[in-house]
Protein backbone atom coordinates (compact mmCIF):
# COMPACT_ATOMS: atom_id res chain seq x y z
CA ASN A 1 82.74 74.84 104.29
CA GLY A 2 83.69 76.94 107.15
CA GLU A 3 86.78 78.51 105.60
CA SER A 4 87.65 82.11 106.78
CA PHE A 5 89.47 84.67 104.98
CA ASN A 6 91.04 88.14 105.81
CA PHE A 7 90.77 91.03 103.42
CA GLY A 8 93.21 93.88 103.98
CA PRO A 9 95.34 96.50 102.35
CA LEU A 10 98.54 96.29 100.27
CA ALA A 11 101.55 96.86 102.40
CA GLU A 12 102.15 100.25 100.93
CA ASN A 13 98.74 101.32 102.10
CA SER A 14 99.28 100.40 105.78
CA ARG A 15 98.88 103.43 108.04
CA SER A 16 99.06 104.12 111.80
CA VAL A 17 95.93 104.35 113.97
CA ALA A 18 96.81 108.01 114.34
CA ASP A 19 96.82 108.42 110.54
CA LEU A 20 93.42 106.70 110.30
CA VAL A 21 91.82 108.83 113.08
CA THR A 22 93.25 112.10 111.50
CA ALA A 23 91.83 110.96 108.02
CA PHE A 24 88.39 110.29 109.50
CA THR A 25 88.30 113.42 111.38
CA LYS A 26 88.89 115.35 108.09
CA ALA A 27 86.24 113.12 106.17
CA ILE A 28 83.53 113.02 108.76
CA PRO A 29 82.36 116.44 110.11
CA GLY A 30 81.96 115.96 113.91
CA PHE A 31 83.94 112.79 114.19
CA GLY A 32 85.83 114.55 117.05
CA PHE A 33 88.34 112.08 118.03
CA GLU A 34 92.00 113.14 118.90
CA THR A 35 95.20 111.09 119.19
CA ALA A 36 97.59 111.48 121.82
CA PRO A 37 101.13 110.25 122.11
CA ALA A 38 101.54 106.61 123.16
CA PRO A 39 102.57 106.08 126.84
CA ALA A 40 106.11 104.92 127.46
CA PRO A 41 106.24 101.20 126.96
CA VAL A 42 106.19 98.84 130.03
CA LYS A 43 109.32 96.78 129.88
CA ALA A 44 107.67 93.61 131.07
CA LEU A 45 105.29 93.52 128.21
CA HIS A 46 106.03 92.88 124.53
CA GLU A 47 103.70 93.99 121.86
CA ALA A 48 104.09 93.92 118.11
CA LYS A 49 104.85 97.37 116.61
CA LEU A 50 102.78 96.56 113.49
CA LEU A 51 99.78 94.38 113.13
CA LYS A 52 98.24 93.96 109.77
CA VAL A 53 95.68 91.75 108.11
CA SER A 54 97.02 89.45 105.38
CA PHE A 55 94.84 88.81 102.39
CA GLU A 56 97.27 86.19 100.96
CA ARG A 57 94.94 83.32 101.49
CA ALA A 58 92.09 85.15 99.74
CA ASN A 59 94.46 85.96 96.90
CA ALA A 60 95.60 82.26 96.63
CA TRP A 61 92.11 80.79 96.70
CA MET A 62 90.14 83.48 94.95
CA GLY A 63 92.56 85.71 93.13
CA TRP A 64 91.36 88.59 95.43
CA LYS A 65 93.42 91.72 95.95
CA PRO A 66 92.62 95.19 97.31
CA THR A 67 91.91 97.76 94.65
CA LEU A 68 91.36 100.88 96.90
CA ASN A 69 94.14 103.03 98.25
CA PHE A 70 94.03 104.47 101.72
CA ASP A 71 92.44 107.71 100.68
CA GLU A 72 89.74 105.97 98.80
CA THR A 73 89.10 103.48 101.60
CA VAL A 74 88.60 106.29 104.22
CA ALA A 75 86.44 108.28 101.63
CA TRP A 76 84.08 105.24 100.93
CA THR A 77 83.88 104.30 104.67
CA ALA A 78 83.16 108.02 105.67
CA GLU A 79 80.45 108.24 102.93
CA GLY A 80 78.76 105.28 104.49
CA TYR A 81 78.52 107.03 107.92
CA ALA A 82 77.06 110.13 106.61
CA PRO A 83 73.59 110.33 107.98
CA GLU A 84 72.12 111.90 104.76
CA GLY A 85 74.00 109.52 102.37
CA THR A 86 73.80 105.90 103.54
CA GLU A 87 71.43 104.71 100.85
CA ASN A 88 73.24 106.64 98.14
CA HIS A 89 76.51 105.35 99.38
CA PHE A 90 75.58 101.78 98.86
CA LYS A 91 74.16 102.43 95.50
CA ASN A 92 77.29 104.35 94.44
CA ARG A 93 79.59 101.69 95.82
CA ILE A 94 77.75 98.78 94.18
CA ALA A 95 77.93 100.64 90.86
CA GLU A 96 81.65 101.37 91.43
CA PHE A 97 82.40 97.76 92.42
CA GLU A 98 80.53 96.50 89.28
CA SER A 99 82.61 98.79 87.17
CA ARG A 100 85.88 97.63 88.75
CA ILE A 101 84.80 93.90 88.43
CA LEU A 102 84.11 94.42 84.75
CA ALA A 103 87.23 96.34 84.08
CA ALA A 104 89.18 93.42 85.74
CA GLY A 105 87.64 91.01 83.24
CA TRP A 106 85.18 89.30 85.62
CA ALA A 107 81.76 88.41 84.33
CA LYS A 108 78.89 90.64 85.37
CA TRP A 109 76.81 89.44 88.17
CA GLU A 110 73.13 89.23 87.74
CA ALA A 111 70.57 88.99 90.52
């Protein structure tokens, strides 16, 4: 009924944008982005030093919580962008999700 939910990492899996770019650069050949030091802050502006997505509402309503760590998240995402592996990526990830769901005690979903 129009409810929205955020899905994000555990606090200990939070990383900087530079960490994420570095991880993707290693995981995806030809990714080719580089990070540069942030410019000196402008005193007139205030920006949060940390922005994060909270999954607390999804957890409270559905019992959802993240199961992937940072490295797994990057690896799975990078695999999905591999030109030769997109179809296999989705098949592998669906099988992995099903395995994790069953291990967590949830019923098997049937199409």
